[in-house]
Amino acid sequence: MDIMIKESVASLFCYIIKMDSRDVEIERPLFCRFIQQNFESVSCEESNNLLDEVMKKEYNIDTQISMITNALHNETYTKMSLLKQLNEMIIKSNLHEENYILFDKVKEAFFPN
């Protein structure tokens, strides 16, 4: 997967971090682990730099979900892994309805009825 998909995945994680005003430092290890598991030859330092860059930007989350969905069209395992990591992030802190609305939106985009 290329730079664009990495940035789109990072924007999805950052969207949740920003939505809940979470501490980026607490979420950083989960993000690093996910990036390293799903992208070849990415160090934790590189994933941390990506996280920092993306946290500074604003993204249209629907566009990012669409980009991820298109890039992972035939990669069911990666889509499930992404959903698992999103769910883990959501569960780690106070559960908010907005988080699960986002989760359901991503799940429906990945696996439409």
PDB file of N, CA and C in Angstrom:
ATOM      1  N   MET A   1       0.848  -1.179   0.000  1.00  0.00           N
ATOM      2  CA  MET A   1       0.000   0.000   0.000  1.00  0.00           C
ATOM      3  C   MET A   1       0.889   1.236   0.000  1.00  0.00           C
ATOM      4  N   ASP A   2       0.415   2.240  -0.621  1.00  0.00           N
ATOM      5  CA  ASP A   2       1.251   3.404  -0.848  1.00  0.00           C
ATOM      6  C   ASP A   2       1.007   4.521   0.163  1.00  0.00           C
ATOM      7  N   ILE A   3       1.684   5.619  -0.068  1.00  0.00           N
ATOM      8  CA  ILE A   3       1.630   6.777   0.834  1.00  0.00           C
ATOM      9  C   ILE A   3       0.208   7.294   1.018  1.00  0.00           C
ATOM     10  N   MET A   4      -0.560   7.367  -0.061  1.00  0.00           N
ATOM     11  CA  MET A   4      -1.920   7.905   0.043  1.00  0.00           C
ATOM     12  C   MET A   4      -2.788   7.079   0.976  1.00  0.00           C
ATOM     13  N   ILE A   5      -2.697   5.756   0.879  1.00  0.00           N
ATOM     14  CA  ILE A   5      -3.529   4.912   1.737  1.00  0.00           C
ATOM     15  C   ILE A   5      -3.057   5.013   3.189  1.00  0.00           C
ATOM     16  N   LYS A   6      -1.747   5.125   3.389  1.00  0.00           N
ATOM     17  CA  LYS A   6      -1.236   5.313   4.754  1.00  0.00           C
ATOM     18  C   LYS A   6      -1.802   6.593   5.353  1.00  0.00           C
ATOM     19  N   GLU A   7      -1.794   7.653   4.565  1.00  0.00           N
ATOM     20  CA  GLU A   7      -2.306   8.937   5.050  1.00  0.00           C
ATOM     21  C   GLU A   7      -3.814   8.861   5.306  1.00  0.00           C
ATOM     22  N   SER A   8      -4.531   8.140   4.462  1.00  0.00           N
ATOM     23  CA  SER A   8      -5.975   7.993   4.665  1.00  0.00           C
ATOM     24  C   SER A   8      -6.272   7.199   5.937  1.00  0.00           C
ATOM     25  N   VAL A   9      -5.532   6.135   6.150  1.00  0.00           N
ATOM     26  CA  VAL A   9      -5.706   5.340   7.377  1.00  0.00           C
ATOM     27  C   VAL A   9      -5.345   6.191   8.592  1.00  0.00           C
ATOM     28  N   ALA A  10      -4.260   6.930   8.487  1.00  0.00           N
ATOM     29  CA  ALA A  10      -3.864   7.810   9.594  1.00  0.00           C
ATOM     30  C   ALA A  10      -4.940   8.854   9.865  1.00  0.00           C
ATOM     31  N   SER A  11      -5.550   9.384   8.812  1.00  0.00           N
ATOM     32  CA  SER A  11      -6.590  10.396   9.010  1.00  0.00           C
ATOM     33  C   SER A  11      -7.798   9.825   9.734  1.00  0.00           C
ATOM     34  N   LEU A  12      -8.093   8.556   9.503  1.00  0.00           N
ATOM     35  CA  LEU A  12      -9.204   7.896  10.190  1.00  0.00           C
ATOM     36  C   LEU A  12      -8.901   7.763  11.688  1.00  0.00           C
ATOM     37  N   PHE A  13      -7.699   7.320  12.015  1.00  0.00           N
ATOM     38  CA  PHE A  13      -7.291   7.229  13.418  1.00  0.00           C
ATOM     39  C   PHE A  13      -7.292   8.615  14.066  1.00  0.00           C
ATOM     40  N   CYS A  14      -6.742   9.597  13.357  1.00  0.00           N
ATOM     41  CA  CYS A  14      -6.667  10.955  13.904  1.00  0.00           C
ATOM     42  C   CYS A  14      -8.046  11.565  14.089  1.00  0.00           C
ATOM     43  N   TYR A  15      -8.962  11.226  13.224  1.00  0.00           N
ATOM     44  CA  TYR A  15     -10.326  11.722  13.339  1.00  0.00           C
ATOM     45  C   TYR A  15     -10.924  11.306  14.685  1.00  0.00           C
ATOM     46  N   ILE A  16     -10.705  10.049  15.065  1.00  0.00           N
ATOM     47  CA  ILE A  16     -11.204   9.565  16.361  1.00  0.00           C
ATOM     48  C   ILE A  16     -10.473  10.254  17.503  1.00  0.00           C
ATOM     49  N   ILE A  17      -9.174  10.406  17.379  1.00  0.00           N
ATOM     50  CA  ILE A  17      -8.397  11.071  18.421  1.00  0.00           C
ATOM     51  C   ILE A  17      -8.907  12.493  18.629  1.00  0.00           C
ATOM     52  N   LYS A  18      -9.116  13.201  17.523  1.00  0.00           N
ATOM     53  CA  LYS A  18      -9.597  14.588  17.612  1.00  0.00           C
ATOM     54  C   LYS A  18     -11.033  14.652  18.109  1.00  0.00           C
ATOM     55  N   MET A  19     -11.879  13.741  17.632  1.00  0.00           N
ATOM     56  CA  MET A  19     -13.291  13.745  18.001  1.00  0.00           C
ATOM     57  C   MET A  19     -13.470  13.640  19.512  1.00  0.00           C
ATOM     58  N   ASP A  20     -12.634  12.837  20.142  1.00  0.00           N
ATOM     59  CA  ASP A  20     -12.751  12.603  21.581  1.00  0.00           C
ATOM     60  C   ASP A  20     -11.743  13.396  22.400  1.00  0.00           C
ATOM     61  N   SER A  21     -10.992  14.270  21.752  1.00  0.00           N
ATOM     62  CA  SER A  21      -9.933  15.033  22.427  1.00  0.00           C
ATOM     63  C   SER A  21      -9.015  14.107  23.227  1.00  0.00           C
ATOM     64  N   ARG A  22      -8.598  13.035  22.575  1.00  0.00           N
ATOM     65  CA  ARG A  22      -7.728  12.049  23.224  1.00  0.00           C
ATOM     66  C   ARG A  22      -6.282  12.521  23.234  1.00  0.00           C
ATOM     67  N   ASP A  23      -5.521  11.920  24.105  1.00  0.00           N
ATOM     68  CA  ASP A  23      -4.095  12.184  24.190  1.00  0.00           C
ATOM     69  C   ASP A  23      -3.388  11.396  23.079  1.00  0.00           C
ATOM     70  N   VAL A  24      -2.769  12.098  22.176  1.00  0.00           N
ATOM     71  CA  VAL A  24      -2.085  11.459  21.047  1.00  0.00           C
ATOM     72  C   VAL A  24      -1.019  10.488  21.537  1.00  0.00           C
ATOM     73  N   GLU A  25      -0.345  10.836  22.609  1.00  0.00           N
ATOM     74  CA  GLU A  25       0.737   9.976  23.112  1.00  0.00           C
ATOM     75  C   GLU A  25       0.219   8.624  23.588  1.00  0.00           C
ATOM     76  N   ILE A  26      -0.979   8.594  24.098  1.00  0.00           N
ATOM     77  CA  ILE A  26      -1.569   7.331  24.546  1.00  0.00           C
ATOM     78  C   ILE A  26      -1.955   6.469  23.343  1.00  0.00           C
ATOM     79  N   GLU A  27      -2.410   7.093  22.275  1.00  0.00           N
ATOM     80  CA  GLU A  27      -2.847   6.367  21.079  1.00  0.00           C
ATOM     81  C   GLU A  27      -1.691   6.004  20.154  1.00  0.00           C
ATOM     82  N   ARG A  28      -0.562   6.645  20.325  1.00  0.00           N
ATOM     83  CA  ARG A  28       0.588   6.450  19.441  1.00  0.00           C
ATOM     84  C   ARG A  28       1.035   4.982  19.314  1.00  0.00           C
ATOM     85  N   PRO A  29       1.158   4.218  20.404  1.00  0.00           N
ATOM     86  CA  PRO A  29       1.595   2.815  20.252  1.00  0.00           C
ATOM     87  C   PRO A  29       0.630   1.957  19.429  1.00  0.00           C
ATOM     88  N   LEU A  30      -0.662   2.162  19.606  1.00  0.00           N
ATOM     89  CA  LEU A  30      -1.649   1.416  18.827  1.00  0.00           C
ATOM     90  C   LEU A  30      -1.523   1.760  17.348  1.00  0.00           C
ATOM     91  N   PHE A  31      -1.375   3.039  17.054  1.00  0.00           N
ATOM     92  CA  PHE A  31      -1.218   3.480  15.675  1.00  0.00           C
ATOM     93  C   PHE A  31       0.053   2.885  15.066  1.00  0.00           C
ATOM     94  N   CYS A  32       1.149   2.956  15.798  1.00  0.00           N
ATOM     95  CA  CYS A  32       2.427   2.426  15.321  1.00  0.00           C
ATOM     96  C   CYS A  32       2.306   0.928  15.030  1.00  0.00           C
ATOM     97  N   ARG A  33       1.698   0.187  15.939  1.00  0.00           N
ATOM     98  CA  ARG A  33       1.536  -1.258  15.761  1.00  0.00           C
ATOM     99  C   ARG A  33       0.707  -1.554  14.512  1.00  0.00           C
ATOM    100  N   PHE A  34      -0.394  -0.823  14.343  1.00  0.00           N
ATOM    101  CA  PHE A  34      -1.236  -1.073  13.177  1.00  0.00           C
ATOM    102  C   PHE A  34      -0.483  -0.783  11.880  1.00  0.00           C
ATOM    103  N   ILE A  35       0.187   0.350  11.817  1.00  0.00           N
ATOM    104  CA  ILE A  35       0.919   0.720  10.600  1.00  0.00           C
ATOM    105  C   ILE A  35       1.997  -0.315  10.297  1.00  0.00           C
ATOM    106  N   GLN A  36       2.728  -0.745  11.309  1.00  0.00           N
ATOM    107  CA  GLN A  36       3.783  -1.724  11.083  1.00  0.00           C
ATOM    108  C   GLN A  36       3.228  -3.079  10.635  1.00  0.00           C
ATOM    109  N   GLN A  37       2.055  -3.452  11.136  1.00  0.00           N
ATOM    110  CA  GLN A  37       1.452  -4.723  10.751  1.00  0.00           C
ATOM    111  C   GLN A  37       0.923  -4.699   9.326  1.00  0.00           C
ATOM    112  N   ASN A  38       0.516  -3.538   8.844  1.00  0.00           N
ATOM    113  CA  ASN A  38      -0.190  -3.476   7.578  1.00  0.00           C
ATOM    114  C   ASN A  38       0.551  -2.800   6.434  1.00  0.00           C
ATOM    115  N   PHE A  39       1.690  -2.217   6.720  1.00  0.00           N
ATOM    116  CA  PHE A  39       2.474  -1.562   5.680  1.00  0.00           C
ATOM    117  C   PHE A  39       3.904  -2.061   5.766  1.00  0.00           C
ATOM    118  N   GLU A  40       4.461  -2.394   4.619  1.00  0.00           N
ATOM    119  CA  GLU A  40       5.810  -2.928   4.577  1.00  0.00           C
ATOM    120  C   GLU A  40       6.859  -1.870   4.905  1.00  0.00           C
ATOM    121  N   SER A  41       7.880  -2.300   5.617  1.00  0.00           N
ATOM    122  CA  SER A  41       9.078  -1.491   5.862  1.00  0.00           C
ATOM    123  C   SER A  41       8.787  -0.114   6.455  1.00  0.00           C
ATOM    124  N   VAL A  42       7.896  -0.043   7.418  1.00  0.00           N
ATOM    125  CA  VAL A  42       7.614   1.222   8.083  1.00  0.00           C
ATOM    126  C   VAL A  42       8.067   1.106   9.528  1.00  0.00           C
ATOM    127  N   SER A  43       8.966   1.983   9.920  1.00  0.00           N
ATOM    128  CA  SER A  43       9.446   1.971  11.302  1.00  0.00           C
ATOM    129  C   SER A  43       8.446   2.702  12.192  1.00  0.00           C
ATOM    130  N   CYS A  44       8.599   2.504  13.475  1.00  0.00           N
ATOM    131  CA  CYS A  44       7.739   3.205  14.420  1.00  0.00           C
ATOM    132  C   CYS A  44       7.990   4.712  14.333  1.00  0.00           C
ATOM    133  N   GLU A  45       9.220   5.091  14.101  1.00  0.00           N
ATOM    134  CA  GLU A  45       9.543   6.512  13.955  1.00  0.00           C
ATOM    135  C   GLU A  45       8.808   7.118  12.758  1.00  0.00           C
ATOM    136  N   GLU A  46       8.794   6.385  11.645  1.00  0.00           N
ATOM    137  CA  GLU A  46       8.079   6.865  10.460  1.00  0.00           C
ATOM    138  C   GLU A  46       6.575   6.970  10.730  1.00  0.00           C
ATOM    139  N   SER A  47       6.023   5.985  11.428  1.00  0.00           N
ATOM    140  CA  SER A  47       4.586   6.039  11.724  1.00  0.00           C
ATOM    141  C   SER A  47       4.281   7.187  12.686  1.00  0.00           C
ATOM    142  N   ASN A  48       5.176   7.441  13.622  1.00  0.00           N
ATOM    143  CA  ASN A  48       4.988   8.578  14.532  1.00  0.00           C
ATOM    144  C   ASN A  48       5.020   9.907  13.775  1.00  0.00           C
ATOM    145  N   ASN A  49       5.937  10.020  12.828  1.00  0.00           N
ATOM    146  CA  ASN A  49       6.003  11.235  12.008  1.00  0.00           C
ATOM    147  C   ASN A  49       4.728  11.404  11.189  1.00  0.00           C
ATOM    148  N   LEU A  50       4.237  10.304  10.636  1.00  0.00           N
ATOM    149  CA  LEU A  50       2.990  10.351   9.875  1.00  0.00           C
ATOM    150  C   LEU A  50       1.831  10.792  10.767  1.00  0.00           C
ATOM    151  N   LEU A  51       1.753  10.226  11.948  1.00  0.00           N
ATOM    152  CA  LEU A  51       0.696  10.597  12.888  1.00  0.00           C
ATOM    153  C   LEU A  51       0.762  12.090  13.208  1.00  0.00           C
ATOM    154  N   ASP A  52       1.953  12.584  13.484  1.00  0.00           N
ATOM    155  CA  ASP A  52       2.116  14.012  13.804  1.00  0.00           C
ATOM    156  C   ASP A  52       1.700  14.902  12.634  1.00  0.00           C
ATOM    157  N   GLU A  53       2.092  14.519  11.418  1.00  0.00           N
ATOM    158  CA  GLU A  53       1.735  15.301  10.233  1.00  0.00           C
ATOM    159  C   GLU A  53       0.220  15.334  10.029  1.00  0.00           C
ATOM    160  N   VAL A  54      -0.401  14.193  10.140  1.00  0.00           N
ATOM    161  CA  VAL A  54      -1.833  14.090   9.873  1.00  0.00           C
ATOM    162  C   VAL A  54      -2.650  14.793  10.959  1.00  0.00           C
ATOM    163  N   MET A  55      -2.167  14.774  12.185  1.00  0.00           N
ATOM    164  CA  MET A  55      -2.886  15.454  13.266  1.00  0.00           C
ATOM    165  C   MET A  55      -2.988  16.955  13.011  1.00  0.00           C
ATOM    166  N   LYS A  56      -2.053  17.511  12.256  1.00  0.00           N
ATOM    167  CA  LYS A  56      -2.043  18.947  11.980  1.00  0.00           C
ATOM    168  C   LYS A  56      -3.009  19.339  10.866  1.00  0.00           C
ATOM    169  N   LYS A  57      -3.481  18.363  10.089  1.00  0.00           N
ATOM    170  CA  LYS A  57      -4.308  18.654   8.918  1.00  0.00           C
ATOM    171  C   LYS A  57      -5.780  18.371   9.198  1.00  0.00           C
ATOM    172  N   GLU A  58      -6.616  18.926   8.342  1.00  0.00           N
ATOM    173  CA  GLU A  58      -8.055  18.645   8.366  1.00  0.00           C
ATOM    174  C   GLU A  58      -8.384  17.807   7.132  1.00  0.00           C
ATOM    175  N   TYR A  59      -9.199  16.807   7.313  1.00  0.00           N
ATOM    176  CA  TYR A  59      -9.579  15.920   6.222  1.00  0.00           C
ATOM    177  C   TYR A  59     -11.089  15.766   6.172  1.00  0.00           C
ATOM    178  N   ASN A  60     -11.601  15.511   4.981  1.00  0.00           N
ATOM    179  CA  ASN A  60     -12.987  15.093   4.833  1.00  0.00           C
ATOM    180  C   ASN A  60     -12.997  13.591   5.086  1.00  0.00           C
ATOM    181  N   ILE A  61     -13.583  13.186   6.190  1.00  0.00           N
ATOM    182  CA  ILE A  61     -13.495  11.789   6.603  1.00  0.00           C
ATOM    183  C   ILE A  61     -14.200  10.866   5.612  1.00  0.00           C
ATOM    184  N   ASP A  62     -15.268  11.321   4.990  1.00  0.00           N
ATOM    185  CA  ASP A  62     -15.964  10.484   4.008  1.00  0.00           C
ATOM    186  C   ASP A  62     -15.083  10.204   2.795  1.00  0.00           C
ATOM    187  N   THR A  63     -14.336  11.201   2.374  1.00  0.00           N
ATOM    188  CA  THR A  63     -13.399  11.015   1.266  1.00  0.00           C
ATOM    189  C   THR A  63     -12.314  10.016   1.650  1.00  0.00           C
ATOM    190  N   GLN A  64     -11.816  10.124   2.866  1.00  0.00           N
ATOM    191  CA  GLN A  64     -10.765   9.212   3.321  1.00  0.00           C
ATOM    192  C   GLN A  64     -11.278   7.778   3.413  1.00  0.00           C
ATOM    193  N   ILE A  65     -12.492   7.608   3.914  1.00  0.00           N
ATOM    194  CA  ILE A  65     -13.082   6.264   3.991  1.00  0.00           C
ATOM    195  C   ILE A  65     -13.229   5.691   2.584  1.00  0.00           C
ATOM    196  N   SER A  66     -13.663   6.498   1.659  1.00  0.00           N
ATOM    197  CA  SER A  66     -13.810   6.056   0.273  1.00  0.00           C
ATOM    198  C   SER A  66     -12.464   5.640  -0.322  1.00  0.00           C
ATOM    199  N   MET A  67     -11.431   6.421  -0.052  1.00  0.00           N
ATOM    200  CA  MET A  67     -10.099   6.094  -0.568  1.00  0.00           C
ATOM    201  C   MET A  67      -9.590   4.777   0.017  1.00  0.00           C
ATOM    202  N   ILE A  68      -9.803   4.578   1.307  1.00  0.00           N
ATOM    203  CA  ILE A  68      -9.378   3.337   1.954  1.00  0.00           C
ATOM    204  C   ILE A  68     -10.149   2.163   1.367  1.00  0.00           C
ATOM    205  N   THR A  69     -11.453   2.325   1.228  1.00  0.00           N
ATOM    206  CA  THR A  69     -12.303   1.261   0.684  1.00  0.00           C
ATOM    207  C   THR A  69     -11.842   0.859  -0.710  1.00  0.00           C
ATOM    208  N   ASN A  70     -11.569   1.838  -1.552  1.00  0.00           N
ATOM    209  CA  ASN A  70     -11.109   1.544  -2.916  1.00  0.00           C
ATOM    210  C   ASN A  70      -9.745   0.865  -2.916  1.00  0.00           C
ATOM    211  N   ALA A  71      -8.852   1.329  -2.076  1.00  0.00           N
ATOM    212  CA  ALA A  71      -7.501   0.755  -2.036  1.00  0.00           C
ATOM    213  C   ALA A  71      -7.493  -0.668  -1.489  1.00  0.00           C
ATOM    214  N   LEU A  72      -8.422  -0.956  -0.584  1.00  0.00           N
ATOM    215  CA  LEU A  72      -8.458  -2.282   0.054  1.00  0.00           C
ATOM    216  C   LEU A  72      -9.557  -3.171  -0.521  1.00  0.00           C
ATOM    217  N   HIS A  73      -9.958  -2.884  -1.733  1.00  0.00           N
ATOM    218  CA  HIS A  73     -11.087  -3.582  -2.354  1.00  0.00           C
ATOM    219  C   HIS A  73     -11.013  -5.104  -2.195  1.00  0.00           C
ATOM    220  N   ASN A  74      -9.881  -5.701  -2.471  1.00  0.00           N
ATOM    221  CA  ASN A  74      -9.739  -7.164  -2.411  1.00  0.00           C
ATOM    222  C   ASN A  74      -8.925  -7.631  -1.208  1.00  0.00           C
ATOM    223  N   GLU A  75      -8.838  -6.825  -0.176  1.00  0.00           N
ATOM    224  CA  GLU A  75      -8.013  -7.172   0.983  1.00  0.00           C
ATOM    225  C   GLU A  75      -8.872  -7.284   2.244  1.00  0.00           C
ATOM    226  N   THR A  76      -9.634  -8.343   2.311  1.00  0.00           N
ATOM    227  CA  THR A  76     -10.567  -8.548   3.421  1.00  0.00           C
ATOM    228  C   THR A  76      -9.845  -8.566   4.762  1.00  0.00           C
ATOM    229  N   TYR A  77      -8.710  -9.258   4.832  1.00  0.00           N
ATOM    230  CA  TYR A  77      -7.976  -9.340   6.097  1.00  0.00           C
ATOM    231  C   TYR A  77      -7.565  -7.955   6.586  1.00  0.00           C
ATOM    232  N   THR A  78      -7.056  -7.131   5.709  1.00  0.00           N
ATOM    233  CA  THR A  78      -6.623  -5.785   6.095  1.00  0.00           C
ATOM    234  C   THR A  78      -7.808  -4.939   6.536  1.00  0.00           C
ATOM    235  N   LYS A  79      -8.927  -5.069   5.836  1.00  0.00           N
ATOM    236  CA  LYS A  79     -10.129  -4.324   6.240  1.00  0.00           C
ATOM    237  C   LYS A  79     -10.585  -4.760   7.632  1.00  0.00           C
ATOM    238  N   MET A  80     -10.560  -6.063   7.883  1.00  0.00           N
ATOM    239  CA  MET A  80     -10.965  -6.559   9.209  1.00  0.00           C
ATOM    240  C   MET A  80      -9.978  -6.089  10.282  1.00  0.00           C
ATOM    241  N   SER A  81      -8.716  -6.075   9.956  1.00  0.00           N
ATOM    242  CA  SER A  81      -7.705  -5.601  10.895  1.00  0.00           C
ATOM    243  C   SER A  81      -7.921  -4.131  11.230  1.00  0.00           C
ATOM    244  N   LEU A  82      -8.226  -3.338  10.226  1.00  0.00           N
ATOM    245  CA  LEU A  82      -8.491  -1.917  10.444  1.00  0.00           C
ATOM    246  C   LEU A  82      -9.716  -1.732  11.330  1.00  0.00           C
ATOM    247  N   LEU A  83     -10.781  -2.476  11.061  1.00  0.00           N
ATOM    248  CA  LEU A  83     -11.983  -2.390  11.898  1.00  0.00           C
ATOM    249  C   LEU A  83     -11.686  -2.804  13.336  1.00  0.00           C
ATOM    250  N   LYS A  84     -10.881  -3.833  13.486  1.00  0.00           N
ATOM    251  CA  LYS A  84     -10.507  -4.298  14.832  1.00  0.00           C
ATOM    252  C   LYS A  84      -9.753  -3.209  15.585  1.00  0.00           C
ATOM    253  N   GLN A  85      -8.804  -2.556  14.922  1.00  0.00           N
ATOM    254  CA  GLN A  85      -8.023  -1.507  15.564  1.00  0.00           C
ATOM    255  C   GLN A  85      -8.890  -0.295  15.900  1.00  0.00           C
ATOM    256  N   LEU A  86      -9.795   0.060  14.993  1.00  0.00           N
ATOM    257  CA  LEU A  86     -10.714   1.168  15.277  1.00  0.00           C
ATOM    258  C   LEU A  86     -11.571   0.845  16.493  1.00  0.00           C
ATOM    259  N   ASN A  87     -12.073  -0.367  16.524  1.00  0.00           N
ATOM    260  CA  ASN A  87     -12.898  -0.786  17.648  1.00  0.00           C
ATOM    261  C   ASN A  87     -12.105  -0.740  18.952  1.00  0.00           C
ATOM    262  N   GLU A  88     -10.866  -1.175  18.907  1.00  0.00           N
ATOM    263  CA  GLU A  88     -10.011  -1.143  20.091  1.00  0.00           C
ATOM    264  C   GLU A  88      -9.816   0.293  20.579  1.00  0.00           C
ATOM    265  N   MET A  89      -9.608   1.208  19.640  1.00  0.00           N
ATOM    266  CA  MET A  89      -9.465   2.622  20.018  1.00  0.00           C
ATOM    267  C   MET A  89     -10.737   3.152  20.664  1.00  0.00           C
ATOM    268  N   ILE A  90     -11.864   2.785  20.093  1.00  0.00           N
ATOM    269  CA  ILE A  90     -13.143   3.268  20.597  1.00  0.00           C
ATOM    270  C   ILE A  90     -13.412   2.738  22.001  1.00  0.00           C
ATOM    271  N   ILE A  91     -13.129   1.479  22.213  1.00  0.00           N
ATOM    272  CA  ILE A  91     -13.420   0.844  23.506  1.00  0.00           C
ATOM    273  C   ILE A  91     -12.491   1.329  24.608  1.00  0.00           C
ATOM    274  N   LYS A  92     -11.269   1.723  24.260  1.00  0.00           N
ATOM    275  CA  LYS A  92     -10.273   2.109  25.268  1.00  0.00           C
ATOM    276  C   LYS A  92     -10.693   3.282  26.138  1.00  0.00           C
ATOM    277  N   SER A  93     -11.524   4.136  25.613  1.00  0.00           N
ATOM    278  CA  SER A  93     -11.904   5.299  26.400  1.00  0.00           C
ATOM    279  C   SER A  93     -13.420   5.355  26.521  1.00  0.00           C
ATOM    280  N   ASN A  94     -13.901   6.477  26.962  1.00  0.00           N
ATOM    281  CA  ASN A  94     -15.343   6.637  27.089  1.00  0.00           C
ATOM    282  C   ASN A  94     -16.004   6.407  25.737  1.00  0.00           C
ATOM    283  N   LEU A  95     -17.002   5.564  25.752  1.00  0.00           N
ATOM    284  CA  LEU A  95     -17.708   5.268  24.518  1.00  0.00           C
ATOM    285  C   LEU A  95     -18.652   6.418  24.187  1.00  0.00           C
ATOM    286  N   HIS A  96     -18.579   6.853  22.958  1.00  0.00           N
ATOM    287  CA  HIS A  96     -19.457   7.906  22.478  1.00  0.00           C
ATOM    288  C   HIS A  96     -20.216   7.381  21.270  1.00  0.00           C
ATOM    289  N   GLU A  97     -21.454   7.759  21.157  1.00  0.00           N
ATOM    290  CA  GLU A  97     -22.272   7.304  20.034  1.00  0.00           C
ATOM    291  C   GLU A  97     -21.646   7.696  18.699  1.00  0.00           C
ATOM    292  N   GLU A  98     -21.026   8.874  18.645  1.00  0.00           N
ATOM    293  CA  GLU A  98     -20.407   9.331  17.402  1.00  0.00           C
ATOM    294  C   GLU A  98     -19.313   8.377  16.928  1.00  0.00           C
ATOM    295  N   ASN A  99     -18.603   7.764  17.885  1.00  0.00           N
ATOM    296  CA  ASN A  99     -17.544   6.824  17.530  1.00  0.00           C
ATOM    297  C   ASN A  99     -18.119   5.607  16.810  1.00  0.00           C
ATOM    298  N   TYR A 100     -19.218   5.092  17.354  1.00  0.00           N
ATOM    299  CA  TYR A 100     -19.800   3.911  16.723  1.00  0.00           C
ATOM    300  C   TYR A 100     -20.541   4.244  15.440  1.00  0.00           C
ATOM    301  N   ILE A 101     -21.015   5.453  15.299  1.00  0.00           N
ATOM    302  CA  ILE A 101     -21.584   5.882  14.020  1.00  0.00           C
ATOM    303  C   ILE A 101     -20.480   5.858  12.961  1.00  0.00           C
ATOM    304  N   LEU A 102     -19.305   6.373  13.326  1.00  0.00           N
ATOM    305  CA  LEU A 102     -18.154   6.331  12.419  1.00  0.00           C
ATOM    306  C   LEU A 102     -17.759   4.890  12.125  1.00  0.00           C
ATOM    307  N   PHE A 103     -17.677   4.060  13.166  1.00  0.00           N
ATOM    308  CA  PHE A 103     -17.307   2.651  12.983  1.00  0.00           C
ATOM    309  C   PHE A 103     -18.278   1.972  12.008  1.00  0.00           C
ATOM    310  N   ASP A 104     -19.572   2.184  12.208  1.00  0.00           N
ATOM    311  CA  ASP A 104     -20.570   1.580  11.325  1.00  0.00           C
ATOM    312  C   ASP A 104     -20.443   2.104   9.902  1.00  0.00           C
ATOM    313  N   LYS A 105     -20.109   3.375   9.759  1.00  0.00           N
ATOM    314  CA  LYS A 105     -19.923   3.960   8.430  1.00  0.00           C
ATOM    315  C   LYS A 105     -18.752   3.276   7.710  1.00  0.00           C
ATOM    316  N   VAL A 106     -17.657   3.063   8.434  1.00  0.00           N
ATOM    317  CA  VAL A 106     -16.489   2.403   7.843  1.00  0.00           C
ATOM    318  C   VAL A 106     -16.823   0.955   7.514  1.00  0.00           C
ATOM    319  N   LYS A 107     -17.473   0.270   8.454  1.00  0.00           N
ATOM    320  CA  LYS A 107     -17.840  -1.142   8.241  1.00  0.00           C
ATOM    321  C   LYS A 107     -18.748  -1.283   7.011  1.00  0.00           C
ATOM    322  N   GLU A 108     -19.731  -0.403   6.885  1.00  0.00           N
ATOM    323  CA  GLU A 108     -20.645  -0.463   5.742  1.00  0.00           C
ATOM    324  C   GLU A 108     -19.919  -0.159   4.433  1.00  0.00           C
ATOM    325  N   ALA A 109     -18.963   0.762   4.469  1.00  0.00           N
ATOM    326  CA  ALA A 109     -18.186   1.070   3.264  1.00  0.00           C
ATOM    327  C   ALA A 109     -17.316  -0.128   2.854  1.00  0.00           C
ATOM    328  N   PHE A 110     -16.740  -0.804   3.848  1.00  0.00           N
ATOM    329  CA  PHE A 110     -15.886  -1.959   3.563  1.00  0.00           C
ATOM    330  C   PHE A 110     -16.690  -3.171   3.117  1.00  0.00           C
ATOM    331  N   PHE A 111     -17.829  -3.385   3.766  1.00  0.00           N
ATOM    332  CA  PHE A 111     -18.627  -4.580   3.511  1.00  0.00           C
ATOM    333  C   PHE A 111     -20.090  -4.190   3.290  1.00  0.00           C
ATOM    334  N   PRO A 112     -20.400  -3.625   2.112  1.00  0.00           N
ATOM    335  CA  PRO A 112     -21.776  -3.192   1.854  1.00  0.00           C
ATOM    336  C   PRO A 112     -22.712  -4.403   1.795  1.00  0.00           C
ATOM    337  N   ASN A 113     -23.948  -4.163   2.153  1.00  0.00           N
ATOM    338  CA  ASN A 113     -24.942  -5.256   2.150  1.00  0.00           C
ATOM    339  C   ASN A 113     -25.173  -5.794   0.781  1.00  0.00           C
TER     340      ASN A 113
END
